């Protein structure tokens, strides 16, 4: 049975459920919850689109579901986020050469994605992410 979050978006193509026995519909619900919590308003519709979900699923399979940056360092870490190397903006959201082009995509684990977007940023009073994505005191 689909959860409340997945049912909310029943008019769009749902991501392919994970084949791991512990994931199932939870993976679909988690995906939509992440979109609702992280996507900028202008991009939320794109991340729920059939075109993006199909592109994302295909890309993850093409890199065997592993974080590409960790793999380049010889570490085998599951990827979690398909990252756009050229960031999506209101100006390029409708350009498939940016949004759906596999040459502009990279599968990252949460730590690598945090490092990409938040390294050097203050996250709270007296805290920030360092160059390796670790939370440190300023």
N, C-alpha and C. Protein backbone atom coordinates (compact mmCIF):
# COMPACT_ATOMS: atom_id res chain seq x y z
N UNK A 1 0.84 -1.19 0.00
CA UNK A 1 0.00 0.00 0.00
C UNK A 1 0.88 1.24 0.00
N UNK A 2 0.57 2.18 -0.88
CA UNK A 2 1.36 3.40 -0.95
C UNK A 2 1.07 4.27 0.25
N UNK A 3 2.13 4.95 0.72
CA UNK A 3 1.99 5.85 1.85
C UNK A 3 1.33 7.16 1.44
N UNK A 4 1.07 8.00 2.42
CA UNK A 4 0.39 9.27 2.19
C UNK A 4 1.18 10.19 1.27
N UNK A 5 2.49 10.21 1.41
CA UNK A 5 3.31 11.09 0.58
C UNK A 5 3.23 10.65 -0.88
N UNK A 6 3.41 9.36 -1.14
CA UNK A 6 3.35 8.87 -2.51
C UNK A 6 1.97 9.09 -3.11
N UNK A 7 0.92 8.89 -2.32
CA UNK A 7 -0.44 9.10 -2.82
C UNK A 7 -0.65 10.55 -3.20
N UNK A 8 -0.03 11.47 -2.48
CA UNK A 8 -0.14 12.90 -2.76
C UNK A 8 0.31 13.23 -4.18
N UNK A 9 1.28 12.46 -4.70
CA UNK A 9 1.83 12.73 -6.02
C UNK A 9 1.47 11.64 -7.02
N UNK A 10 0.33 11.06 -6.88
CA UNK A 10 -0.04 9.93 -7.74
C UNK A 10 -0.17 10.31 -9.20
N UNK A 11 -0.26 11.62 -9.51
CA UNK A 11 -0.40 12.02 -10.90
C UNK A 11 0.93 12.02 -11.64
N UNK A 12 2.05 11.84 -10.94
CA UNK A 12 3.33 11.79 -11.62
C UNK A 12 3.90 10.38 -11.51
N UNK A 13 4.84 10.08 -12.38
CA UNK A 13 5.51 8.79 -12.37
C UNK A 13 6.29 8.64 -11.07
N UNK A 14 6.09 7.55 -10.38
CA UNK A 14 6.80 7.33 -9.13
C UNK A 14 8.16 6.73 -9.41
N UNK A 15 9.14 7.01 -8.52
CA UNK A 15 10.43 6.38 -8.69
C UNK A 15 10.30 4.86 -8.56
N UNK A 16 11.22 4.16 -9.17
CA UNK A 16 11.21 2.70 -9.09
C UNK A 16 11.50 2.30 -7.65
N UNK A 17 10.65 1.45 -7.04
CA UNK A 17 10.94 1.01 -5.67
C UNK A 17 12.28 0.28 -5.63
N UNK A 18 12.96 0.47 -4.53
CA UNK A 18 14.25 -0.18 -4.34
C UNK A 18 14.04 -1.68 -4.26
N UNK A 19 14.97 -2.46 -4.79
CA UNK A 19 14.86 -3.91 -4.76
C UNK A 19 15.30 -4.53 -3.44
N UNK A 20 15.88 -3.73 -2.56
CA UNK A 20 16.27 -4.26 -1.26
C UNK A 20 15.01 -4.59 -0.47
N UNK A 21 14.99 -5.73 0.19
CA UNK A 21 13.77 -6.16 0.88
C UNK A 21 13.37 -5.21 1.99
N UNK A 22 14.30 -4.42 2.51
CA UNK A 22 13.97 -3.52 3.62
C UNK A 22 13.48 -2.16 3.15
N UNK A 23 13.50 -1.88 1.86
CA UNK A 23 13.12 -0.55 1.35
C UNK A 23 11.66 -0.49 0.90
N UNK A 24 11.36 -1.05 -0.28
CA UNK A 24 10.01 -1.06 -0.83
C UNK A 24 9.41 0.34 -0.93
N UNK A 25 8.14 0.47 -0.50
CA UNK A 25 7.42 1.73 -0.59
C UNK A 25 8.05 2.82 0.27
N UNK A 26 8.77 2.46 1.30
CA UNK A 26 9.42 3.45 2.15
C UNK A 26 10.38 4.29 1.32
N UNK A 27 11.08 3.68 0.36
CA UNK A 27 12.02 4.41 -0.49
C UNK A 27 11.27 5.46 -1.31
N UNK A 28 10.10 5.14 -1.81
CA UNK A 28 9.30 6.10 -2.58
C UNK A 28 8.87 7.25 -1.69
N UNK A 29 8.35 6.94 -0.51
CA UNK A 29 7.92 7.99 0.41
C UNK A 29 9.09 8.88 0.82
N UNK A 30 10.23 8.26 1.11
CA UNK A 30 11.41 9.04 1.49
C UNK A 30 11.83 9.98 0.37
N UNK A 31 11.75 9.52 -0.88
CA UNK A 31 12.13 10.35 -2.02
C UNK A 31 11.25 11.60 -2.08
N UNK A 32 9.93 11.44 -1.99
CA UNK A 32 9.03 12.58 -2.05
C UNK A 32 9.20 13.50 -0.85
N UNK A 33 9.45 12.95 0.33
CA UNK A 33 9.69 13.78 1.50
C UNK A 33 10.95 14.62 1.33
N UNK A 34 12.01 14.01 0.75
CA UNK A 34 13.25 14.77 0.52
C UNK A 34 13.00 15.89 -0.48
N UNK A 35 12.23 15.62 -1.53
CA UNK A 35 11.92 16.67 -2.50
C UNK A 35 11.22 17.82 -1.81
N UNK A 36 10.20 17.50 -1.02
CA UNK A 36 9.43 18.54 -0.35
C UNK A 36 10.28 19.35 0.61
N UNK A 37 11.28 18.72 1.22
CA UNK A 37 12.07 19.42 2.22
C UNK A 37 13.29 20.12 1.64
N UNK A 38 13.85 19.63 0.53
CA UNK A 38 15.11 20.20 0.05
C UNK A 38 14.99 20.98 -1.25
N UNK A 39 14.07 20.65 -2.10
CA UNK A 39 14.03 21.28 -3.42
C UNK A 39 13.58 22.73 -3.31
N UNK A 40 14.26 23.56 -4.07
CA UNK A 40 13.83 24.95 -4.15
C UNK A 40 12.47 24.97 -4.84
N UNK A 41 11.66 25.95 -4.52
CA UNK A 41 10.29 26.00 -5.04
C UNK A 41 10.24 25.86 -6.57
N UNK A 42 11.15 26.53 -7.27
CA UNK A 42 11.11 26.47 -8.74
C UNK A 42 11.45 25.09 -9.29
N UNK A 43 12.12 24.24 -8.48
CA UNK A 43 12.59 22.94 -8.98
C UNK A 43 11.75 21.76 -8.50
N UNK A 44 10.86 21.95 -7.54
CA UNK A 44 10.12 20.83 -6.97
C UNK A 44 9.35 20.05 -8.03
N UNK A 45 8.69 20.73 -8.93
CA UNK A 45 7.94 20.06 -10.00
C UNK A 45 8.83 19.24 -10.89
N UNK A 46 10.01 19.77 -11.22
CA UNK A 46 10.96 19.03 -12.05
C UNK A 46 11.37 17.73 -11.38
N UNK A 47 11.69 17.78 -10.09
CA UNK A 47 12.16 16.58 -9.39
C UNK A 47 11.07 15.53 -9.21
N UNK A 48 9.82 15.91 -9.42
CA UNK A 48 8.70 14.95 -9.36
C UNK A 48 8.28 14.49 -10.75
N UNK A 49 8.93 15.00 -11.78
CA UNK A 49 8.51 14.70 -13.16
C UNK A 49 8.94 13.30 -13.59
N UNK A 50 8.17 12.74 -14.51
CA UNK A 50 8.47 11.43 -15.08
C UNK A 50 9.84 11.45 -15.77
N UNK A 51 10.15 12.55 -16.46
CA UNK A 51 11.42 12.66 -17.17
C UNK A 51 12.60 12.58 -16.20
N UNK A 52 12.54 13.33 -15.09
CA UNK A 52 13.64 13.32 -14.14
C UNK A 52 13.75 11.97 -13.43
N UNK A 53 12.64 11.43 -12.99
CA UNK A 53 12.68 10.17 -12.23
C UNK A 53 13.24 9.04 -13.10
N UNK A 54 12.84 9.00 -14.37
CA UNK A 54 13.39 8.00 -15.28
C UNK A 54 14.88 8.21 -15.52
N UNK A 55 15.28 9.46 -15.71
CA UNK A 55 16.69 9.80 -15.93
C UNK A 55 17.50 9.43 -14.69
N UNK A 56 17.00 9.81 -13.52
CA UNK A 56 17.67 9.54 -12.25
C UNK A 56 17.84 8.04 -12.04
N UNK A 57 16.76 7.28 -12.21
CA UNK A 57 16.82 5.83 -12.01
C UNK A 57 17.83 5.18 -12.96
N UNK A 58 17.79 5.60 -14.23
CA UNK A 58 18.72 5.05 -15.20
C UNK A 58 20.16 5.39 -14.89
N UNK A 59 20.39 6.63 -14.45
CA UNK A 59 21.75 7.04 -14.12
C UNK A 59 22.29 6.26 -12.93
N UNK A 60 21.48 6.09 -11.90
CA UNK A 60 21.91 5.34 -10.71
C UNK A 60 22.34 3.93 -11.12
N UNK A 61 21.54 3.29 -11.96
CA UNK A 61 21.88 1.94 -12.42
C UNK A 61 23.17 1.95 -13.24
N UNK A 62 23.38 3.00 -14.02
CA UNK A 62 24.56 3.05 -14.89
C UNK A 62 25.87 3.16 -14.11
N UNK A 63 25.80 3.68 -12.89
CA UNK A 63 27.01 3.81 -12.05
C UNK A 63 26.97 2.81 -10.89
N UNK A 64 26.12 1.80 -11.05
CA UNK A 64 26.02 0.71 -10.07
C UNK A 64 25.66 1.18 -8.66
N UNK A 65 25.00 2.33 -8.56
CA UNK A 65 24.50 2.80 -7.27
C UNK A 65 25.57 3.25 -6.29
N UNK A 66 26.78 3.52 -6.79
CA UNK A 66 27.88 3.88 -5.89
C UNK A 66 28.25 5.36 -6.02
N UNK A 67 28.65 5.94 -4.90
CA UNK A 67 29.11 7.33 -4.89
C UNK A 67 30.35 7.43 -5.77
N UNK A 68 30.27 8.29 -6.76
CA UNK A 68 31.35 8.39 -7.73
C UNK A 68 32.61 9.04 -7.15
N UNK A 69 32.46 9.98 -6.26
CA UNK A 69 33.64 10.63 -5.65
C UNK A 69 34.35 9.69 -4.70
N UNK A 70 33.58 8.94 -3.92
CA UNK A 70 34.20 7.96 -3.01
C UNK A 70 34.90 6.87 -3.81
N UNK A 71 34.26 6.41 -4.88
CA UNK A 71 34.85 5.36 -5.70
C UNK A 71 36.17 5.82 -6.31
N UNK A 72 36.24 7.10 -6.69
CA UNK A 72 37.49 7.64 -7.25
C UNK A 72 38.61 7.63 -6.22
N UNK A 73 38.26 7.62 -4.93
CA UNK A 73 39.25 7.55 -3.85
C UNK A 73 39.46 6.12 -3.36
N UNK A 74 38.84 5.15 -4.07
CA UNK A 74 39.01 3.76 -3.72
C UNK A 74 38.08 3.27 -2.62
N UNK A 75 37.05 4.06 -2.30
CA UNK A 75 36.09 3.68 -1.27
C UNK A 75 34.79 3.26 -1.94
N UNK A 76 34.18 2.20 -1.44
CA UNK A 76 32.90 1.73 -1.96
C UNK A 76 31.80 2.17 -1.00
N UNK A 77 31.06 3.20 -1.42
CA UNK A 77 30.02 3.79 -0.59
C UNK A 77 28.76 3.93 -1.45
N UNK A 78 27.60 3.50 -0.94
CA UNK A 78 26.37 3.66 -1.72
C UNK A 78 26.08 5.14 -1.99
N UNK A 79 25.65 5.44 -3.20
CA UNK A 79 25.24 6.79 -3.55
C UNK A 79 23.82 7.04 -3.08
N UNK A 80 23.50 8.29 -2.84
CA UNK A 80 22.16 8.64 -2.36
C UNK A 80 21.51 9.73 -3.20
N UNK A 81 22.30 10.66 -3.72
CA UNK A 81 21.76 11.84 -4.38
C UNK A 81 22.37 11.98 -5.77
N UNK A 82 21.53 12.10 -6.79
CA UNK A 82 22.03 12.40 -8.13
C UNK A 82 22.18 13.92 -8.19
N UNK A 83 23.43 14.34 -8.26
CA UNK A 83 23.81 15.75 -8.19
C UNK A 83 24.01 16.31 -9.59
N UNK A 84 23.55 17.55 -9.81
CA UNK A 84 23.80 18.26 -11.06
C UNK A 84 25.10 19.05 -10.92
N UNK A 85 26.09 18.74 -11.75
CA UNK A 85 27.38 19.44 -11.69
C UNK A 85 27.20 20.92 -11.99
N UNK A 86 26.44 21.22 -13.02
CA UNK A 86 26.01 22.61 -13.26
C UNK A 86 24.69 22.74 -12.52
N UNK A 87 24.68 23.55 -11.48
CA UNK A 87 23.49 23.64 -10.62
C UNK A 87 22.26 24.09 -11.41
N UNK A 88 21.12 23.56 -11.01
CA UNK A 88 19.86 23.96 -11.63
C UNK A 88 19.44 25.32 -11.07
N UNK A 89 19.05 26.19 -11.97
CA UNK A 89 18.60 27.54 -11.62
C UNK A 89 17.25 27.80 -12.29
N UNK A 90 16.57 28.88 -11.91
CA UNK A 90 15.33 29.22 -12.61
C UNK A 90 15.57 29.46 -14.11
N UNK A 91 16.77 29.88 -14.47
CA UNK A 91 17.08 30.17 -15.87
C UNK A 91 17.31 28.91 -16.70
N UNK A 92 17.79 27.81 -16.07
CA UNK A 92 18.10 26.62 -16.88
C UNK A 92 17.23 25.41 -16.56
N UNK A 93 16.23 25.56 -15.69
CA UNK A 93 15.40 24.43 -15.26
C UNK A 93 14.71 23.73 -16.43
N UNK A 94 14.44 24.44 -17.51
CA UNK A 94 13.76 23.85 -18.66
C UNK A 94 14.71 23.44 -19.78
N UNK A 95 16.01 23.43 -19.50
CA UNK A 95 17.01 23.05 -20.49
C UNK A 95 17.44 21.61 -20.24
N UNK A 96 16.98 20.65 -21.06
CA UNK A 96 17.33 19.25 -20.82
C UNK A 96 18.83 18.97 -20.96
N UNK A 97 19.57 19.85 -21.65
CA UNK A 97 21.02 19.66 -21.73
C UNK A 97 21.67 19.88 -20.36
N UNK A 98 21.01 20.58 -19.48
CA UNK A 98 21.49 20.78 -18.11
C UNK A 98 20.82 19.79 -17.17
N UNK A 99 19.51 19.68 -17.25
CA UNK A 99 18.75 18.94 -16.23
C UNK A 99 18.75 17.42 -16.43
N UNK A 100 18.79 16.96 -17.68
CA UNK A 100 18.65 15.53 -17.96
C UNK A 100 19.86 14.90 -18.64
N UNK A 101 20.91 15.65 -18.84
CA UNK A 101 22.10 15.18 -19.52
C UNK A 101 23.00 14.42 -18.54
N UNK A 102 23.24 13.14 -18.81
CA UNK A 102 24.06 12.32 -17.91
C UNK A 102 25.46 12.89 -17.73
N UNK A 103 25.97 13.64 -18.71
CA UNK A 103 27.29 14.25 -18.55
C UNK A 103 27.30 15.32 -17.46
N UNK A 104 26.14 15.80 -17.07
CA UNK A 104 26.02 16.81 -16.02
C UNK A 104 25.61 16.19 -14.69
N UNK A 105 25.54 14.87 -14.61
CA UNK A 105 25.10 14.20 -13.38
C UNK A 105 26.24 13.48 -12.70
N UNK A 106 26.08 13.31 -11.38
CA UNK A 106 27.06 12.61 -10.57
C UNK A 106 26.32 12.03 -9.38
N UNK A 107 26.48 10.74 -9.12
CA UNK A 107 25.84 10.12 -7.96
C UNK A 107 26.76 10.29 -6.76
N UNK A 108 26.21 10.89 -5.70
CA UNK A 108 26.99 11.18 -4.50
C UNK A 108 26.35 10.58 -3.26
N UNK A 109 27.18 10.25 -2.29
CA UNK A 109 26.68 9.88 -0.97
C UNK A 109 26.30 11.18 -0.24
N UNK A 110 25.64 11.07 0.89
CA UNK A 110 25.23 12.26 1.63
C UNK A 110 26.43 13.11 2.04
N UNK A 111 27.51 12.48 2.49
CA UNK A 111 28.69 13.24 2.93
C UNK A 111 29.30 14.04 1.78
N UNK A 112 29.45 13.41 0.61
CA UNK A 112 30.02 14.12 -0.54
C UNK A 112 29.10 15.25 -1.01
N UNK A 113 27.79 15.02 -0.96
CA UNK A 113 26.85 16.06 -1.36
C UNK A 113 26.91 17.23 -0.38
N UNK A 114 27.01 16.93 0.92
CA UNK A 114 27.14 18.01 1.91
C UNK A 114 28.43 18.80 1.68
N UNK A 115 29.51 18.09 1.36
CA UNK A 115 30.77 18.76 1.09
C UNK A 115 30.64 19.68 -0.12
N UNK A 116 29.95 19.21 -1.16
CA UNK A 116 29.77 20.00 -2.38
C UNK A 116 29.01 21.29 -2.10
N UNK A 117 27.94 21.19 -1.34
CA UNK A 117 27.06 22.34 -1.16
C UNK A 117 27.28 23.13 0.11
N UNK A 118 27.91 22.53 1.11
CA UNK A 118 27.95 23.20 2.41
C UNK A 118 29.33 23.34 3.03
N UNK A 119 30.38 22.90 2.36
CA UNK A 119 31.73 23.03 2.92
C UNK A 119 32.04 24.50 3.16
N UNK A 120 32.51 24.81 4.36
CA UNK A 120 32.86 26.17 4.70
C UNK A 120 31.71 27.03 5.17
N UNK A 121 30.49 26.52 5.09
CA UNK A 121 29.33 27.29 5.55
C UNK A 121 29.14 27.12 7.04
N UNK A 122 28.77 28.19 7.69
CA UNK A 122 28.37 28.08 9.09
C UNK A 122 27.01 27.39 9.13
N UNK A 123 26.85 26.41 10.00
CA UNK A 123 25.59 25.67 10.07
C UNK A 123 24.79 26.02 11.31
N UNK A 124 25.41 26.62 12.24
CA UNK A 124 24.79 27.02 13.50
C UNK A 124 25.83 27.80 14.26
N UNK A 125 25.45 28.32 15.37
CA UNK A 125 26.38 29.14 16.13
C UNK A 125 27.62 28.33 16.51
N UNK A 126 28.78 28.75 15.98
CA UNK A 126 30.03 28.11 16.32
C UNK A 126 30.33 26.82 15.56
N UNK A 127 29.52 26.46 14.55
CA UNK A 127 29.74 25.22 13.80
C UNK A 127 29.78 25.49 12.31
N UNK A 128 30.52 24.62 11.59
CA UNK A 128 30.56 24.68 10.13
C UNK A 128 31.02 23.33 9.60
N UNK A 129 30.83 23.09 8.29
CA UNK A 129 31.37 21.91 7.64
C UNK A 129 32.78 22.25 7.16
N UNK A 130 33.75 21.34 7.38
CA UNK A 130 35.10 21.56 6.86
C UNK A 130 35.19 21.05 5.43
N UNK A 131 36.40 21.06 4.86
CA UNK A 131 36.60 20.66 3.47
C UNK A 131 36.29 19.20 3.20
N UNK A 132 36.25 18.36 4.25
CA UNK A 132 35.94 16.95 4.06
C UNK A 132 34.49 16.64 4.37
N UNK A 133 33.69 17.69 4.68
CA UNK A 133 32.27 17.49 4.96
C UNK A 133 31.96 17.18 6.41
N UNK A 134 32.99 17.26 7.27
CA UNK A 134 32.77 16.99 8.70
C UNK A 134 32.32 18.26 9.41
N UNK A 135 31.44 18.10 10.40
CA UNK A 135 30.97 19.23 11.20
C UNK A 135 32.02 19.54 12.25
N UNK A 136 32.50 20.78 12.27
CA UNK A 136 33.56 21.18 13.20
C UNK A 136 33.19 22.50 13.87
N UNK A 137 33.82 22.76 15.03
CA UNK A 137 33.66 24.03 15.71
C UNK A 137 34.49 25.08 15.00
N UNK A 138 33.95 26.30 14.92
CA UNK A 138 34.66 27.41 14.25
C UNK A 138 35.68 27.96 15.22
